Amino acid sequence: MEISNMINLTFFTKYPTQGATSRYRSFAFASRLSEMNYNIEIQSFMPIDYLNRLFSNQPKQKSQILLSYLERCLAVFRSSQNLIIERELFPYLPYGIEKRFLQGKNYILDYDDNVWEDYHGKKMLEGKYDDLVKNAAGVIVGNNFLEEYVKKLNPSVIKIPTVINLDTYQTNATPQKFDRFSLVWIGSPITYRYIEAFASMFQTLAKNLDFDLIIIASKTLEGRAISGVSMKFYDWSSETEVALLKQSHIGIMPLNDDPFSQGKSGFKLIQYQAAGLPSVASPVGENCTIIQEGMNGFLPKKHNEWIDAITQLHNDAGLYTQYSQYALQNAFHFSIQKYFPIYKNFIDTLFSTKIETKQ
């Protein structure tokens, strides 16, 4: 009987491709692995309907959530020996339950954000991620904050940012910018609160500068528009996000300086770079790694510094072009083109002693 070198590997994601983290981390790498010597299966915990309800502030369906847990149980029983898990198998269930399902499995964990904060103060869950990490074959993290924390629990850790595919952004045609100078923010309706936290800054800026604030998330957010600021809201779509980013002028990422923000991946800034946009972002966490001040953007601390940075990019065409060109050049360092070989080598090394083959 002939035995091939096909490696069985199961991904457990939180969301289907409509979820940004799952789309750009698990699905992107799984797609490339499937073109090689890997037999890939992907099981997403929550369906697209749950995600749609979450983003539109509709009530969650308990029956749907229960079904997701049951489907995941079956998926784990049927899965291969080698697993890559986004965050955890069973959200809001203690480690003891997850440990039983992981017996006999060789698993790698993937964290893009500081999800430890989700269970802070919850007695039965607070140490769950620590226990998962300690018993993992390895851990992939999206930023320096997580790398420093995780390596104290497990020495087999690698930093791989949430990456973009350069092929999606690189086109021969020069994009036509919006007629009005535009600041763009892309994200989920849940994190729109960061825009609202900077409302007074945008209102002051609007008194001195003619601009549009472009929000790529959900049109349902129009009801939460900032008074006195010209805003345009777009539903996020994989078909339109790149075009909207390229038509904008400056990418922004305001954040609060809290533990969750310190552990965020900074993926917005990576997208802005690939679209050739100078960025203005809060000097928190991974933002300080992606933005190099004086090269591709600004890291203002105070609201008046935000206004000065945006105004400078608006008024100085030469500076704007310089930052834009460097952003494009720097995009490779946050791309799947760079990180896929690193990713593959990491999982090959960890799974090499427990490879399953198809007969």
Protein backbone atom coordinates (compact mmCIF):
# COMPACT_ATOMS: atom_id res chain seq x y z
CA MET A 1 0.00 0.00 0.00
CA GLU A 2 1.42 3.36 -1.02
CA ILE A 3 1.68 6.07 1.63
CA SER A 4 1.77 9.75 0.67
CA ASN A 5 3.28 12.63 2.62
CA MET A 6 -0.05 14.40 2.96
CA ILE A 7 -0.29 15.99 6.42
CA ASN A 8 -3.72 16.23 8.06
CA LEU A 9 -4.30 19.55 9.81
CA THR A 10 -7.48 20.98 11.33
CA PHE A 11 -8.05 24.69 11.92
CA PHE A 12 -10.52 25.75 14.59
CA THR A 13 -11.49 29.37 13.93
CA LYS A 14 -13.82 31.65 15.84
CA TYR A 15 -15.63 32.92 12.75
CA PRO A 16 -15.99 32.11 9.06
CA THR A 17 -14.19 34.29 6.50
CA GLN A 18 -16.41 37.28 7.29
CA GLY A 19 -14.60 37.65 10.62
CA ALA A 20 -11.45 39.73 10.09
CA THR A 21 -9.16 37.80 12.44
CA SER A 22 -10.17 34.42 11.05
CA ARG A 23 -10.02 35.66 7.45
CA TYR A 24 -6.55 37.18 7.60
CA ARG A 25 -4.91 34.67 9.92
CA SER A 26 -6.31 31.13 9.74
CA PHE A 27 -8.04 31.14 6.35
CA ALA A 28 -5.23 33.00 4.56
CA PHE A 29 -2.53 30.59 5.72
CA ALA A 30 -4.75 27.52 5.41
CA SER A 31 -5.43 28.36 1.78
CA ARG A 32 -1.74 28.36 0.95
CA LEU A 33 -1.04 25.22 2.94
CA SER A 34 -3.82 23.39 1.06
CA GLU A 35 -1.89 24.00 -2.16
CA MET A 36 1.02 22.03 -0.71
CA ASN A 37 1.32 18.75 1.21
CA TYR A 38 -1.48 19.49 3.66
CA ASN A 39 -4.97 18.07 3.88
CA ILE A 40 -6.80 21.00 5.48
CA GLU A 41 -10.09 21.05 7.36
CA ILE A 42 -11.54 24.23 8.88
CA GLN A 43 -14.27 24.39 11.52
CA SER A 44 -15.64 27.81 12.44
CA PHE A 45 -17.30 28.17 15.81
CA MET A 46 -19.86 30.89 15.07
CA PRO A 47 -21.80 31.07 11.77
CA ILE A 48 -22.12 34.19 9.62
CA ASP A 49 -25.64 34.86 10.93
CA TYR A 50 -24.24 35.25 14.47
CA LEU A 51 -21.64 37.72 13.19
CA ASN A 52 -24.29 39.72 11.34
CA ARG A 53 -26.42 39.91 14.46
CA LEU A 54 -23.42 40.93 16.55
CA PHE A 55 -22.47 43.78 14.22
CA SER A 56 -26.03 45.05 13.86
CA ASN A 57 -26.76 44.92 17.62
CA GLN A 58 -29.48 42.31 17.23
CA PRO A 59 -30.13 39.90 20.12
CA LYS A 60 -28.15 36.67 20.14
CA GLN A 61 -30.05 33.44 19.52
CA LYS A 62 -29.42 30.98 22.35
CA SER A 63 -30.35 28.03 20.18
CA GLN A 64 -27.77 29.08 17.62
CA ILE A 65 -25.06 29.38 20.28
CA LEU A 66 -25.92 25.95 21.71
CA LEU A 67 -25.75 24.45 18.22
CA SER A 68 -22.31 25.99 17.75
CA TYR A 69 -21.04 24.25 20.90
CA LEU A 70 -22.47 20.91 19.80
CA GLU A 71 -21.01 21.22 16.32
CA ARG A 72 -17.62 22.07 17.75
CA CYS A 73 -17.71 19.03 20.05
CA LEU A 74 -18.33 16.77 17.07
CA ALA A 75 -15.68 18.54 15.03
CA VAL A 76 -13.02 18.00 17.69
CA PHE A 77 -13.85 14.30 17.96
CA ARG A 78 -13.55 13.94 14.18
CA SER A 79 -10.51 16.18 13.77
CA SER A 80 -6.97 15.26 12.89
CA GLN A 81 -4.31 14.94 15.55
CA ASN A 82 -2.69 18.24 14.57
CA LEU A 83 -4.70 21.36 15.36
CA ILE A 84 -4.32 25.10 14.99
CA ILE A 85 -6.73 26.88 17.32
CA GLU A 86 -7.73 30.54 17.28
CA ARG A 87 -7.75 31.56 20.94
CA GLU A 88 -9.64 28.56 22.40
CA LEU A 89 -11.95 25.71 21.45
CA PHE A 90 -14.90 26.61 23.67
CA PRO A 91 -15.45 30.26 24.60
CA TYR A 92 -16.59 30.83 28.20
CA LEU A 93 -16.05 27.23 29.25
CA PRO A 94 -13.29 26.48 31.81
CA TYR A 95 -9.97 24.92 30.92
CA GLY A 96 -10.83 21.57 32.51
CA ILE A 97 -13.46 20.90 29.84
CA GLU A 98 -11.19 21.99 27.02
CA LYS A 99 -8.36 19.84 28.37
CA ARG A 100 -10.46 16.71 28.02
CA PHE A 101 -11.21 17.44 24.37
CA LEU A 102 -7.53 18.13 23.67
CA GLN A 103 -6.22 14.87 25.09
CA GLY A 104 -4.10 13.13 22.48
CA LYS A 105 -4.03 16.22 20.28
CA ASN A 106 -0.98 18.20 19.21
CA TYR A 107 -2.10 21.81 19.07
CA ILE A 108 -0.82 25.29 18.21
CA LEU A 109 -2.63 28.37 19.53
CA ASP A 110 -3.04 31.63 17.59
CA TYR A 111 -3.68 34.98 19.33
CA ASP A 112 -3.91 38.31 17.54
CA ASP A 113 -5.25 40.41 20.43
CA ASN A 114 -4.97 40.46 24.21
CA VAL A 115 -7.99 38.23 24.78
CA TRP A 116 -6.81 37.59 28.35
CA GLU A 117 -8.74 40.76 29.22
CA ASP A 118 -12.02 39.05 28.24
CA TYR A 119 -11.78 36.77 31.29
CA HIS A 120 -10.27 39.24 33.73
CA GLY A 121 -12.07 38.96 37.06
CA LYS A 122 -13.97 35.80 36.04
CA LYS A 123 -12.93 33.22 38.65
CA MET A 124 -13.51 30.05 36.60
CA LEU A 125 -11.95 31.46 33.44
CA GLU A 126 -9.20 33.89 34.43
CA GLY A 127 -6.36 31.36 34.13
CA LYS A 128 -7.74 29.50 31.13
CA TYR A 129 -5.52 31.03 28.44
CA ASP A 130 -2.43 30.53 30.61
CA ASP A 131 -3.21 26.82 30.96
CA LEU A 132 -3.89 26.43 27.25
CA VAL A 133 -0.62 28.14 26.40
CA LYS A 134 1.45 26.07 28.86
CA ASN A 135 0.26 22.83 27.29
CA ALA A 136 0.43 23.86 23.64
CA ALA A 137 3.02 22.58 21.19
CA GLY A 138 3.55 26.21 20.25
CA VAL A 139 1.92 29.61 20.13
CA ILE A 140 1.58 32.18 17.33
CA VAL A 141 1.05 35.76 18.48
CA GLY A 142 0.28 38.92 16.55
CA ASN A 143 2.27 41.53 18.47
CA ASN A 144 5.17 42.26 20.83
CA PHE A 145 2.93 42.66 23.88
CA LEU A 146 1.63 39.11 23.57
CA GLU A 147 5.03 37.70 22.67
CA GLU A 148 6.56 39.04 25.87
CA TYR A 149 3.75 37.61 27.97
CA VAL A 150 3.38 34.23 26.27
CA LYS A 151 7.08 33.34 26.19
CA LYS A 152 7.04 33.29 30.01
CA LEU A 153 4.55 30.43 29.80
CA ASN A 154 5.76 28.58 26.70
CA PRO A 155 9.19 28.99 25.04
CA SER A 156 7.84 27.84 21.67
CA VAL A 157 6.34 31.15 20.56
CA ILE A 158 6.62 33.10 17.33
CA LYS A 159 5.38 36.55 16.38
CA ILE A 160 3.48 36.67 13.10
CA PRO A 161 1.45 39.85 12.57
CA THR A 162 -1.97 39.76 10.98
CA VAL A 163 -0.85 40.07 7.37
CA ILE A 164 -2.20 41.32 4.07
CA ASN A 165 -1.87 39.76 0.63
CA LEU A 166 0.09 42.23 -1.50
CA ASP A 167 -1.51 40.85 -4.66
CA THR A 168 -4.86 42.21 -3.49
CA TYR A 169 -3.51 45.74 -3.14
CA GLN A 170 -1.08 46.00 -6.03
CA THR A 171 -2.73 47.15 -9.26
CA ASN A 172 -1.32 49.00 -12.23
CA ALA A 173 -3.99 51.69 -12.19
CA THR A 174 -3.44 54.77 -10.03
CA PRO A 175 -6.45 55.10 -7.71
CA GLN A 176 -8.63 58.18 -7.99
CA LYS A 177 -8.81 59.85 -4.59
CA PHE A 178 -12.06 61.13 -3.09
CA ASP A 179 -12.77 64.74 -4.09
CA ARG A 180 -12.68 65.89 -0.49
CA PHE A 181 -9.70 65.24 1.73
CA SER A 182 -10.58 62.11 3.69
CA LEU A 183 -9.59 60.35 6.86
CA VAL A 184 -10.45 56.66 6.84
CA TRP A 185 -11.07 54.18 9.63
CA ILE A 186 -11.81 50.50 9.03
CA GLY A 187 -13.01 48.14 11.72
CA SER A 188 -15.99 46.49 13.34
CA PRO A 189 -19.05 48.23 14.79
CA ILE A 190 -17.87 47.03 18.20
CA THR A 191 -14.60 49.00 18.04
CA TYR A 192 -16.27 52.12 16.61
CA ARG A 193 -16.21 53.29 20.23
CA TYR A 194 -12.61 54.37 19.68
CA ILE A 195 -13.81 56.87 17.07
CA GLU A 196 -16.48 58.15 19.46
CA ALA A 197 -13.87 58.59 22.19
CA PHE A 198 -12.07 61.07 19.90
CA ALA A 199 -15.24 62.97 18.96
CA SER A 200 -14.05 66.29 20.37
CA MET A 201 -10.82 66.06 18.38
CA PHE A 202 -12.70 65.48 15.12
CA GLN A 203 -15.09 68.32 15.93
CA THR A 204 -12.22 70.74 16.54
CA LEU A 205 -10.47 69.58 13.39
CA ALA A 206 -13.65 70.11 11.35
CA LYS A 207 -13.66 73.78 12.31
CA ASN A 208 -10.26 74.27 10.71
CA LEU A 209 -10.05 71.69 7.91
CA ASP A 210 -12.42 70.61 5.16
CA PHE A 211 -12.50 66.81 5.30
CA ASP A 212 -14.68 63.70 5.32
CA LEU A 213 -14.34 61.01 7.94
CA ILE A 214 -14.83 57.69 6.14
CA ILE A 215 -16.03 54.76 8.27
CA ILE A 216 -15.76 51.28 6.72
CA ALA A 217 -17.71 49.03 9.06
CA SER A 218 -21.51 49.23 8.85
CA LYS A 219 -24.01 51.78 7.63
CA THR A 220 -25.99 51.13 10.80
CA LEU A 221 -23.45 53.34 12.57
CA GLU A 222 -24.89 56.41 10.85
CA GLY A 223 -27.13 56.82 13.87
CA ARG A 224 -24.00 57.35 15.96
CA ALA A 225 -22.39 59.93 13.69
CA ILE A 226 -20.41 62.70 15.39
CA SER A 227 -22.24 66.02 15.22
CA GLY A 228 -20.41 68.76 13.35
CA VAL A 229 -18.23 66.29 11.41
CA SER A 230 -18.81 65.31 7.78
CA MET A 231 -18.93 61.52 7.83
CA LYS A 232 -19.59 58.78 5.30
CA PHE A 233 -20.43 55.24 6.38
CA TYR A 234 -19.89 52.11 4.29
CA ASP A 235 -20.71 48.49 4.93
CA TRP A 236 -17.55 46.45 5.06
CA SER A 237 -17.09 44.14 2.08
CA SER A 238 -14.08 42.18 0.87
CA GLU A 239 -14.97 43.36 -2.64
CA THR A 240 -14.84 47.08 -1.80
CA GLU A 241 -12.50 47.58 1.17
CA VAL A 242 -9.28 47.95 -0.84
CA ALA A 243 -10.82 50.43 -3.30
CA LEU A 244 -12.25 52.55 -0.47
CA LEU A 245 -8.93 52.61 1.35
CA LYS A 246 -7.02 53.60 -1.77
CA GLN A 247 -9.45 56.42 -2.51
CA SER A 248 -8.86 57.89 0.96
CA HIS A 249 -5.98 60.13 1.99
CA ILE A 250 -4.98 59.31 5.60
CA GLY A 251 -5.57 56.17 7.65
CA ILE A 252 -6.34 56.66 11.34
CA MET A 253 -6.30 54.39 14.40
CA PRO A 254 -7.25 56.13 17.65
CA LEU A 255 -7.03 53.95 20.76
CA ASN A 256 -7.39 54.16 24.51
CA ASP A 257 -4.26 53.25 26.45
CA ASP A 258 -5.59 50.19 28.26
CA PRO A 259 -4.47 46.54 28.51
CA PHE A 260 -6.72 45.39 25.66
CA SER A 261 -5.51 48.13 23.30
CA GLN A 262 -1.89 47.48 24.26
CA GLY A 263 -2.34 43.94 22.98
CA LYS A 264 -4.11 44.77 19.70
CA SER A 265 -2.54 43.69 16.43
CA GLY A 266 -2.58 47.06 14.64
CA PHE A 267 -3.95 45.44 11.49
CA LYS A 268 -5.69 48.62 10.33
CA LEU A 269 -2.31 50.28 9.98
CA ILE A 270 -1.03 47.35 7.95
CA GLN A 271 -3.95 47.75 5.57
CA TYR A 272 -3.38 51.50 5.32
CA GLN A 273 0.27 50.92 4.43
CA ALA A 274 -0.58 48.48 1.67
CA ALA A 275 -3.03 51.05 0.27
CA GLY A 276 -0.26 53.67 0.27
CA LEU A 277 -1.77 55.82 3.02
CA PRO A 278 0.19 57.77 5.62
CA SER A 279 -1.19 56.87 9.05
CA VAL A 280 -1.97 58.77 12.22
CA ALA A 281 -2.47 56.55 15.25
CA SER A 282 -2.33 56.51 19.02
CA PRO A 283 1.10 55.51 20.37
CA VAL A 284 -0.21 52.32 21.96
CA GLY A 285 1.06 48.76 21.62
CA GLU A 286 1.84 47.45 18.14
CA ASN A 287 1.07 50.83 16.56
CA CYS A 288 4.53 51.94 17.67
CA THR A 289 6.09 49.07 15.73
CA ILE A 290 4.15 49.55 12.48
CA ILE A 291 4.39 53.34 12.33
CA GLN A 292 7.86 54.82 12.09
CA GLU A 293 7.50 58.52 12.81
CA GLY A 294 9.13 60.66 10.17
CA MET A 295 8.78 57.82 7.66
CA ASN A 296 5.18 56.65 7.21
CA GLY A 297 3.06 58.46 9.78
CA PHE A 298 2.58 60.09 13.16
CA LEU A 299 1.98 58.83 16.71
CA PRO A 300 0.34 61.79 18.47
CA LYS A 301 -0.54 61.54 22.16
CA LYS A 302 -2.80 64.55 22.70
CA HIS A 303 -5.75 65.77 20.64
CA ASN A 304 -3.94 68.93 19.58
CA GLU A 305 -1.06 66.76 18.32
CA TRP A 306 -3.54 64.73 16.28
CA ILE A 307 -4.84 67.92 14.70
CA ASP A 308 -1.31 69.15 13.95
CA ALA A 309 -0.30 65.84 12.32
CA ILE A 310 -3.38 65.63 10.09
CA THR A 311 -3.12 69.30 9.13
CA GLN A 312 0.55 68.90 8.23
CA LEU A 313 -0.17 65.98 5.90
CA HIS A 314 -3.04 67.96 4.36
CA ASN A 315 -0.96 71.08 3.72
CA ASP A 316 2.40 69.58 2.71
CA ALA A 317 2.07 67.64 -0.55
CA GLY A 318 5.75 66.70 -0.57
CA LEU A 319 5.59 65.23 2.92
CA TYR A 320 2.40 63.39 2.06
CA THR A 321 4.01 61.79 -1.01
CA GLN A 322 7.11 60.83 0.96
CA TYR A 323 5.09 59.08 3.66
CA SER A 324 2.85 57.41 1.10
CA GLN A 325 5.76 55.96 -0.86
CA TYR A 326 7.48 54.63 2.25
CA ALA A 327 4.22 53.06 3.42
CA LEU A 328 3.99 51.13 0.15
CA GLN A 329 7.60 49.99 0.41
CA ASN A 330 7.17 48.91 4.02
CA ALA A 331 4.02 46.88 3.33
CA PHE A 332 6.05 43.79 2.36
CA HIS A 333 7.21 43.43 5.97
CA PHE A 334 3.60 42.81 7.02
CA SER A 335 2.55 40.56 4.14
CA ILE A 336 1.72 36.89 3.70
CA GLN A 337 4.38 36.85 0.99
CA LYS A 338 6.98 37.39 3.71
CA TYR A 339 5.43 35.41 6.54
CA PHE A 340 4.02 32.29 4.89
CA PRO A 341 7.43 30.52 4.72
CA ILE A 342 8.03 31.45 8.38
CA TYR A 343 4.57 30.23 9.38
CA LYS A 344 4.95 26.95 7.50
CA ASN A 345 8.39 26.28 8.96
CA PHE A 346 7.06 26.86 12.49
CA ILE A 347 4.18 24.40 12.20
CA ASP A 348 6.26 21.87 10.23
CA THR A 349 8.82 21.83 13.03
CA LEU A 350 6.22 21.37 15.77
CA PHE A 351 4.15 18.78 13.97
CA SER A 352 7.00 16.82 12.36
CA THR A 353 7.14 14.21 15.10
CA LYS A 354 3.41 13.50 14.93
CA ILE A 355 2.64 13.61 11.24
CA GLU A 356 -0.43 11.72 10.08
CA THR A 357 -0.40 10.37 6.56
CA LYS A 358 -3.22 9.40 4.26
CA GLN A 359 -3.10 5.87 2.91
